[in-house]
Every structure is written in C-alpha cells, then in structure tokens.
Protein backbone atom coordinates (compact mmCIF):
# COMPACT_ATOMS: atom_id res chain seq x y z
CA UNK A 1 -14.50 40.25 -55.28
CA UNK A 2 -15.66 41.40 -51.87
CA UNK A 3 -14.12 39.57 -48.94
CA UNK A 4 -16.15 38.27 -45.99
CA UNK A 5 -15.93 40.43 -42.90
CA UNK A 6 -13.47 39.13 -40.26
CA UNK A 7 -16.37 38.30 -37.92
CA UNK A 8 -17.96 35.94 -40.41
CA UNK A 9 -14.61 34.33 -41.21
CA UNK A 10 -13.86 33.63 -37.52
CA UNK A 11 -17.36 32.19 -36.99
CA UNK A 12 -16.94 29.91 -39.99
CA UNK A 13 -13.58 28.71 -38.64
CA UNK A 14 -15.14 27.96 -35.28
CA UNK A 15 -17.95 26.00 -36.89
CA UNK A 16 -15.48 23.97 -38.95
CA UNK A 17 -13.42 23.10 -35.87
CA UNK A 18 -16.48 22.04 -33.87
CA UNK A 19 -18.06 19.97 -36.64
CA UNK A 20 -14.83 18.12 -37.50
CA UNK A 21 -13.76 17.47 -33.91
CA UNK A 22 -13.09 13.89 -32.86
CA UNK A 23 -14.49 14.72 -29.44
CA UNK A 24 -18.20 15.24 -28.69
CA UNK A 25 -18.61 19.04 -28.83
CA UNK A 26 -21.55 21.42 -28.90
CA UNK A 27 -21.41 25.07 -29.94
CA UNK A 28 -24.25 26.88 -28.16
CA UNK A 29 -25.75 30.35 -28.08
CA UNK A 30 -26.32 32.07 -24.74
CA UNK A 31 -29.95 30.84 -24.75
CA UNK A 32 -28.62 27.25 -25.19
CA UNK A 33 -29.64 26.81 -28.82
CA UNK A 34 -27.30 24.62 -30.81
CA UNK A 35 -25.26 26.46 -33.41
CA UNK A 36 -23.19 23.41 -34.36
CA UNK A 37 -22.53 19.88 -33.14
CA UNK A 38 -19.57 17.67 -33.89
CA UNK A 39 -20.16 14.52 -35.88
CA UNK A 40 -18.68 12.54 -32.96
CA UNK A 41 -21.36 13.98 -30.63
CA UNK A 42 -24.12 12.89 -32.98
CA UNK A 43 -22.63 9.40 -33.33
CA UNK A 44 -22.08 9.00 -29.61
CA UNK A 45 -25.66 9.89 -28.70
CA UNK A 46 -27.49 8.58 -31.78
CA UNK A 47 -28.71 11.97 -32.99
CA UNK A 48 -29.40 12.86 -36.62
CA UNK A 49 -27.00 15.73 -37.47
CA UNK A 50 -29.63 17.29 -39.76
CA UNK A 51 -32.01 17.84 -36.83
CA UNK A 52 -29.59 19.44 -34.40
CA UNK A 53 -28.84 22.98 -35.50
CA UNK A 54 -31.27 25.59 -34.24
CA UNK A 55 -32.78 23.35 -31.56
CA UNK A 56 -32.50 23.96 -27.85
CA UNK A 57 -30.25 21.58 -25.95
CA UNK A 58 -33.25 20.32 -24.03
CA UNK A 59 -35.06 19.40 -27.27
CA UNK A 60 -32.54 17.18 -29.03
CA UNK A 61 -32.83 13.42 -29.03
CA UNK A 62 -35.74 12.24 -26.92
CA UNK A 63 -35.40 15.07 -24.43
CA UNK A 64 -32.72 13.31 -22.39
CA UNK A 65 -30.60 16.48 -22.43
CA UNK A 66 -33.32 18.41 -20.59
CA UNK A 67 -31.41 18.50 -17.31
CA UNK A 68 -32.38 21.46 -15.11
CA UNK A 69 -29.09 21.52 -13.21
CA UNK A 70 -27.00 21.41 -16.38
CA UNK A 71 -29.14 24.18 -17.91
CA UNK A 72 -28.67 26.28 -14.79
CA UNK A 73 -24.90 25.83 -14.89
CA UNK A 74 -24.76 26.76 -18.57
CA UNK A 75 -26.78 29.92 -17.86
CA UNK A 76 -24.38 30.84 -15.06
CA UNK A 77 -21.39 30.16 -17.34
CA UNK A 78 -22.84 32.39 -20.07
CA UNK A 79 -23.29 35.21 -17.54
CA UNK A 80 -19.72 34.80 -16.32
CA UNK A 81 -20.74 33.94 -12.76
CA UNK A 82 -19.66 30.29 -12.92
CA UNK A 83 -17.76 27.74 -14.97
CA UNK A 84 -18.39 24.08 -15.66
CA UNK A 85 -15.26 22.03 -15.06
CA UNK A 86 -15.43 18.23 -14.91
CA UNK A 87 -19.10 18.27 -13.95
CA UNK A 88 -20.38 14.71 -13.81
CA UNK A 89 -23.85 13.71 -14.90
CA UNK A 90 -25.74 10.45 -15.25
CA UNK A 91 -27.09 10.29 -18.77
CA UNK A 92 -30.23 8.21 -19.10
CA UNK A 93 -32.02 7.11 -22.26
CA UNK A 94 -35.06 4.86 -22.57
CA UNK A 95 -34.23 1.15 -22.53
CA UNK A 96 -30.49 1.79 -22.23
CA UNK A 97 -27.98 1.59 -19.43
CA UNK A 98 -27.11 4.77 -17.60
CA UNK A 99 -23.97 6.41 -18.94
CA UNK A 100 -21.59 8.51 -16.89
CA UNK A 101 -20.53 11.73 -18.58
CA UNK A 102 -18.04 14.42 -17.65
CA UNK A 103 -18.99 17.87 -18.95
CA UNK A 104 -16.82 20.97 -19.40
CA UNK A 105 -18.09 24.31 -20.69
CA UNK A 106 -16.60 27.73 -21.32
CA UNK A 107 -17.52 30.91 -23.10
CA UNK A 108 -15.99 31.35 -26.55
CA UNK A 109 -15.02 34.72 -27.92
CA UNK A 110 -15.62 34.56 -31.65
CA UNK A 111 -15.44 38.32 -32.19
CA UNK A 112 -19.14 39.08 -31.67
CA UNK A 113 -19.25 40.96 -28.37
CA UNK A 114 -23.04 41.24 -28.50
CA UNK A 115 -23.65 37.49 -28.42
CA UNK A 116 -22.15 35.05 -25.96
CA UNK A 117 -21.18 31.66 -27.32
CA UNK A 118 -20.64 28.50 -25.29
CA UNK A 119 -18.43 25.54 -26.12
CA UNK A 120 -19.62 22.37 -24.41
CA UNK A 121 -17.35 19.31 -24.32
CA UNK A 122 -18.68 15.90 -23.26
CA UNK A 123 -16.57 12.89 -22.28
CA UNK A 124 -18.10 9.47 -21.74
CA UNK A 125 -16.34 7.86 -18.77
CA UNK A 126 -18.71 4.91 -18.39
CA UNK A 127 -16.20 2.28 -19.47
CA UNK A 128 -13.32 3.91 -17.60
CA UNK A 129 -15.32 3.96 -14.37
CA UNK A 130 -16.36 0.35 -14.88
CA UNK A 131 -12.73 -0.67 -15.39
CA UNK A 132 -11.71 1.28 -12.29
CA UNK A 133 -14.38 -0.47 -10.24
CA UNK A 134 -13.29 -3.83 -11.62
CA UNK A 135 -9.68 -3.06 -10.73
CA UNK A 136 -10.70 -2.02 -7.21
CA UNK A 137 -12.72 -5.21 -6.84
CA UNK A 138 -9.76 -7.32 -8.00
CA UNK A 139 -7.40 -5.54 -5.61
CA UNK A 140 -9.84 -6.07 -2.75
CA UNK A 141 -10.39 -9.74 -3.67
CA UNK A 142 -6.63 -10.31 -3.91
CA UNK A 143 -6.12 -8.67 -0.52
CA UNK A 144 -8.78 -10.92 1.01
CA UNK A 145 -7.24 -13.98 -0.66
CA UNK A 146 -3.75 -13.03 0.54
CA UNK A 147 -5.04 -12.55 4.05
CA UNK A 148 -6.73 -15.95 3.95
CA UNK A 149 -3.52 -17.55 2.72
CA UNK A 150 -1.56 -15.89 5.51
CA UNK A 151 -4.07 -17.18 8.06
CA UNK A 152 -3.77 -20.68 6.65
CA UNK A 153 0.03 -20.52 6.69
CA UNK A 154 -0.02 -19.27 10.29
CA UNK A 155 -2.34 -22.11 11.29
CA UNK A 156 -0.15 -24.67 9.51
CA UNK A 157 2.92 -23.34 11.30
CA UNK A 158 1.12 -23.63 14.61
CA UNK A 159 0.36 -27.27 13.83
CA UNK A 160 3.99 -27.94 12.89
CA UNK A 161 5.15 -26.27 16.12
CA UNK A 162 2.77 -28.44 18.13
CA UNK A 163 4.05 -31.59 16.43
CA UNK A 164 7.63 -30.58 17.23
CA UNK A 165 6.76 -30.04 20.88
CA UNK A 166 5.02 -33.43 21.09
CA UNK A 167 8.05 -35.07 19.51
CA UNK A 168 10.33 -33.31 21.99
CA UNK A 169 8.37 -34.76 24.90
CA UNK A 170 8.65 -38.31 23.56
CA UNK A 171 12.35 -38.50 22.68
CA UNK A 172 14.81 -39.82 25.26
CA UNK A 173 17.91 -37.98 24.10
CA UNK A 174 18.45 -34.60 25.73
CA UNK A 175 20.37 -33.42 22.67
CA UNK A 176 17.56 -34.41 20.30
CA UNK A 177 15.03 -32.81 22.62
CA UNK A 178 17.03 -29.58 22.56
CA UNK A 179 17.16 -29.56 18.77
CA UNK A 180 13.40 -30.10 18.57
CA UNK A 181 12.78 -27.27 21.02
CA UNK A 182 14.98 -24.97 18.95
CA UNK A 183 13.13 -25.95 15.78
CA UNK A 184 9.85 -25.24 17.58
CA UNK A 185 11.00 -21.74 18.53
CA UNK A 186 12.07 -20.96 14.95
CA UNK A 187 8.74 -22.11 13.58
CA UNK A 188 6.93 -19.98 16.15
CA UNK A 189 9.02 -17.00 15.02
CA UNK A 190 7.68 -17.34 11.48
CA UNK A 191 4.15 -18.01 12.80
CA UNK A 192 4.27 -14.72 14.72
CA UNK A 193 5.32 -12.99 11.52
CA UNK A 194 2.39 -14.50 9.62
CA UNK A 195 -0.04 -13.29 12.27
CA UNK A 196 1.43 -9.81 11.96
CA UNK A 197 1.26 -9.90 8.14
CA UNK A 198 -2.42 -10.85 8.25
CA UNK A 199 -3.21 -7.51 9.93
CA UNK A 200 -0.65 -5.33 8.17
CA UNK A 201 -1.32 -2.91 5.33
CA UNK A 202 0.64 -2.40 2.13
CA UNK A 203 2.87 -5.44 2.71
CA UNK A 204 4.75 -3.69 5.54
CA UNK A 205 5.38 -5.17 8.96
CA UNK A 206 5.53 -2.94 12.03
CA UNK A 207 8.54 -4.17 13.92
CA UNK A 208 7.44 -3.06 17.38
CA UNK A 209 4.28 -5.18 17.21
CA UNK A 210 6.04 -8.07 15.49
CA UNK A 211 8.93 -8.22 17.98
CA UNK A 212 6.51 -7.90 20.89
CA UNK A 213 4.43 -10.85 19.67
CA UNK A 214 7.58 -12.83 18.92
CA UNK A 215 9.02 -12.26 22.38
CA UNK A 216 5.72 -13.09 24.04
CA UNK A 217 5.74 -16.40 22.21
CA UNK A 218 9.35 -17.14 23.18
CA UNK A 219 8.72 -16.14 26.75
CA UNK A 220 5.62 -18.32 27.04
CA UNK A 221 7.53 -21.41 25.87
CA UNK A 222 10.91 -20.82 27.55
CA UNK A 223 10.36 -18.75 30.71
CA UNK A 224 8.84 -20.77 33.53
CA UNK A 225 8.84 -17.88 36.02
CA UNK A 226 8.06 -14.45 34.48
CA UNK A 227 9.00 -12.83 37.80
CA UNK A 228 12.54 -14.11 37.37
CA UNK A 229 13.15 -13.40 33.69
CA UNK A 230 11.56 -10.94 31.28
CA UNK A 231 11.94 -9.90 27.65
CA UNK A 232 11.51 -6.21 26.85
CA UNK A 233 11.08 -4.54 23.48
CA UNK A 234 12.44 -1.05 22.75
CA UNK A 235 11.67 -0.50 19.07
CA UNK A 236 10.83 2.68 17.17
CA UNK A 237 8.02 3.08 14.61
CA UNK A 238 9.94 1.34 11.82
CA UNK A 239 8.05 -0.77 9.30
CA UNK A 240 9.83 -3.07 6.85
CA UNK A 241 8.94 -5.37 3.98
CA UNK A 242 7.85 -8.91 4.80
CA UNK A 243 11.06 -10.58 3.61
CA UNK A 244 13.12 -8.17 5.70
CA UNK A 245 11.06 -8.89 8.79
CA UNK A 246 11.69 -12.64 8.32
CA UNK A 247 15.44 -12.10 8.54
CA UNK A 248 15.23 -9.73 11.48
CA UNK A 249 12.82 -12.07 13.26
CA UNK A 250 15.18 -15.03 12.85
CA UNK A 251 18.08 -12.99 14.22
CA UNK A 252 16.06 -11.87 17.24
CA UNK A 253 14.80 -15.42 17.84
CA UNK A 254 18.29 -16.92 17.83
CA UNK A 255 19.79 -14.22 20.06
CA UNK A 256 16.94 -14.34 22.58
CA UNK A 257 17.06 -18.16 22.75
CA UNK A 258 20.82 -18.00 23.25
CA UNK A 259 20.46 -15.47 26.08
CA UNK A 260 17.71 -17.46 27.80
CA UNK A 261 19.83 -20.62 27.65
CA UNK A 262 23.20 -19.26 28.76
CA UNK A 263 22.93 -15.84 30.41
CA UNK A 264 20.97 -16.74 33.53
CA UNK A 265 22.22 -19.97 35.14
CA UNK A 266 21.42 -21.03 38.68
CA UNK A 267 17.99 -19.32 38.71
CA UNK A 268 19.46 -15.86 38.25
CA UNK A 269 17.01 -13.02 37.69
CA UNK A 270 17.34 -10.63 34.80
CA UNK A 271 16.00 -9.16 31.61
CA UNK A 272 16.65 -9.27 27.89
CA UNK A 273 16.11 -6.11 25.85
CA UNK A 274 15.50 -6.03 22.08
CA UNK A 275 16.41 -2.64 20.64
CA UNK A 276 15.83 -1.44 17.09
CA UNK A 277 16.20 2.05 15.68
CA UNK A 278 16.35 3.28 12.10
CA UNK A 279 17.41 6.56 10.56
CA UNK A 280 16.67 6.80 6.87
CA UNK A 281 18.13 3.63 5.36
CA UNK A 282 20.46 2.98 8.29
CA UNK A 283 19.42 0.88 11.26
CA UNK A 284 20.70 -0.76 14.42
CA UNK A 285 19.42 -3.97 16.01
CA UNK A 286 20.70 -5.19 19.37
CA UNK A 287 19.81 -7.88 21.88
CA UNK A 288 21.18 -7.14 25.34
CA UNK A 289 20.97 -9.09 28.59
CA UNK A 290 22.12 -8.37 32.14
CA UNK A 291 23.23 -11.92 32.82
CA UNK A 292 26.64 -13.42 33.52
CA UNK A 293 28.20 -12.09 30.34
CA UNK A 294 30.00 -13.99 27.62
CA UNK A 295 32.68 -16.39 28.96
CA UNK A 296 36.04 -16.08 27.25
CA UNK A 297 38.90 -18.45 26.54
CA UNK A 298 38.35 -22.12 27.28
CA UNK A 299 35.05 -21.37 28.97
CA UNK A 300 33.60 -19.80 25.82
CA UNK A 301 30.73 -21.93 24.47
CA UNK A 302 31.08 -23.54 21.09
CA UNK A 303 29.21 -21.89 18.26
CA UNK A 304 25.91 -23.67 17.66
CA UNK A 305 23.30 -23.55 14.94
CA UNK A 306 21.79 -20.34 16.30
CA UNK A 307 25.12 -18.53 16.20
CA UNK A 308 25.71 -19.81 12.70
CA UNK A 309 22.31 -18.50 11.55
CA UNK A 310 22.99 -15.03 12.95
CA UNK A 311 26.49 -14.86 11.49
CA UNK A 312 25.29 -16.13 8.11
CA UNK A 313 22.53 -13.52 7.91
CA UNK A 314 24.92 -10.73 8.90
CA UNK A 315 27.54 -11.88 6.40
CA UNK A 316 24.97 -12.22 3.60
CA UNK A 317 23.71 -8.70 4.23
CA UNK A 318 27.17 -7.16 4.63
CA UNK A 319 26.18 -5.93 8.07
CA UNK A 320 28.51 -5.35 10.99
CA UNK A 321 27.89 -7.67 13.94
CA UNK A 322 29.52 -6.92 17.28
CA UNK A 323 29.63 -8.72 20.61
CA UNK A 324 30.31 -6.51 23.61
CA UNK A 325 30.25 -6.44 27.39
CA UNK A 326 27.04 -4.85 28.66
CA UNK A 327 28.33 -4.55 32.23
CA UNK A 328 26.67 -6.70 33.45
CA UNK A 329 25.72 -9.10 30.73
CA UNK A 330 26.37 -9.16 27.03
CA UNK A 331 25.12 -7.32 23.99
CA UNK A 332 24.99 -8.43 20.36
CA UNK A 333 24.62 -5.50 17.98
CA UNK A 334 24.07 -5.50 14.22
CA UNK A 335 24.62 -2.21 12.41
CA UNK A 336 23.43 -1.57 8.88
CA UNK A 337 24.87 1.54 7.24
CA UNK A 338 23.82 2.27 3.68
CA UNK A 339 25.35 5.72 3.99
CA UNK A 340 28.69 3.95 3.86
CA UNK A 341 27.85 2.50 0.46
CA UNK A 342 25.97 -0.64 1.46
CA UNK A 343 23.03 -1.67 -0.71
CA UNK A 344 20.98 -4.62 0.52
CA UNK A 345 17.40 -5.78 0.61
CA UNK A 346 17.10 -4.38 4.12
CA UNK A 347 17.23 -0.88 2.61
CA UNK A 348 13.43 -0.99 2.53
CA UNK A 349 13.32 -0.33 6.26
CA UNK A 350 11.52 2.94 6.88
C-alpha cells in the first residue's frame, strides 16, 4: 500500500486541527480563499459549513467580512511585510448589534513552500468589553456616591461644631464652656479631614494639605491676633490612609490646642510648628512651640483630656512619645519605627 506523501499528511493534520478547534479559526490561502473553517467559527457567525470552503473571505455570510482594511492587512501578512496582532474590528451584520472582534493572523508553514497559508484567529470580546464598561461605570458611580457622602458628613460636622459653639456662648460655667470649645475643635478636626477626603484620590490623604487646613481652622477659632501667634506646617509629601489621618489629625489637634492654651500667657508672641517626615514605613510627628516651656514639679499642669487622648493613641500604636525642651518652648515628638519590629495600622504611611 502506497503511503501519502509527507506534504499531504501535514496538510491533512492542519485541516483536522483547524476544523476541530474550539476557537473560531480560518485557514486561508494567500489570495484569501478559505481552505478550512472551524466549526466554532461557523457557529459563532451563523455560517453554513458546507458553503465556506473555496470561497473568498469577502464572500462568506452576507458579505460582512468584506473589510478592505482587514484584507489589506492579510495581504501584507502573506507577503511577510506585516503581522496582525490583536487587531480590533467592529463586526456588523444586518439587523444585529455591532460585535467587537480581536483578530490575529500569521503565516503557517505546512511544508508547501510554493503556497503561503494564513491562519486567522478571531476572538469575540463584545461581552468582555461590555462588562469592563459596566465595571468602570460602577466604580465611577461609587466614587461619586462616596464623595457625596463625604460632603454630607463634612456638612453635618460643621453643623455640630456650630451647635457646640452656640452652646458654649450660652453656658455660665467657665469649665463647661472650655469643654464645649474643646469638643468644637475636635469636631472641626474631623470636618477638615472630610473636606480633604472629598478631594483625595485612591483613599489617600495628603498630610501637608490636611494639616494646613486643620491648623487654619484651629487658628481661626483660637487665635484672636494672627500677628501675635501663628501655626506653621512643615510636612513632607507623605500620604496616608483615611483611618491613619484621623489618628494623626486628633494628635495634632490636641497638641496644638494645648500649646495655644498654655505656651503663650500674658499676650506673648510666638509660633507653633507641626513637623512630619516619613522614610519608608518609619515616620516622625512633632508639635513644637517657642513659648514658656513645660513647667515642672508643682507647677506642672495636670493631665487633661487632650493629654489623655494623645497618650492613649501613642500607647495603642506602640509609638514612642517624648516631651522635650525646645529652648525656648517645648516639643512633643512621636516616633514610629517599623524597622525596629513594630507593625501597626500606621504602616500604610507612604
């Protein structure tokens, strides 16, 4: 029995692979006549398999494959002067929605050096693109909704702060008035954060902008003469997660309030400086004033709510808090060192 020549055997193998493929494939001659089409191609594009072989690509179906640019690219691929890789086309058929296809083509060496063969693979990405658009729309809608919520929260906090200030004006007790003022400042700290979040991207808060807005708010409510006292911000380009910024903002608020209350008696002039610097996952936050310094011994003030808040946050985060003489004035410094084995939520600072 005479065996088939190797050329015929390889061609038969190629045809079998193309026809049985689960992906839409076309096996074309160099003049773009169809040698074979996969059953999946015929199903995907509603073409009778019996009518495909021997026809030109532009003739199959209702002529919807007659695309001049695709034909030009296939000609260039057959000549070796170009390749078709992930070429996208809009596939249109009468009375049907436009489908988005991704086409890849390459020459196929089946052993016949006198005839160039092309293998054309088609992927329908219509549903995938629709899902991607839907996902993008949902992300955008969620971002808009989140921004609206943040605006509403900021507005609500402003209302609460106003109510606290009105209550402070009406009460007779100086102690109660002081507590209401302190509560007002803490609410304003969170309100400043919400304003910053409403303009931030990716859920990160830029500390320089946040601390600047926070200190402007504190200064406006607590400093009667800006020529006498000022609050300065010296912060690097660090950006942290929202929950981290809440904690840092509360610390800064308490330390600034404490300095404004105690560091500059008798109409003294001076400045308060907020410093923040990060390196990798390590960071340093300090609030320094050039006031009278921290009294010691019997003259030392009793720890109030603000001091308790700062100490509690530092203890919870395993951070090192230090009080030192700034010569003149005082400095409160909080150091966070993950390089020493610490692992806290504030590790998201960048």
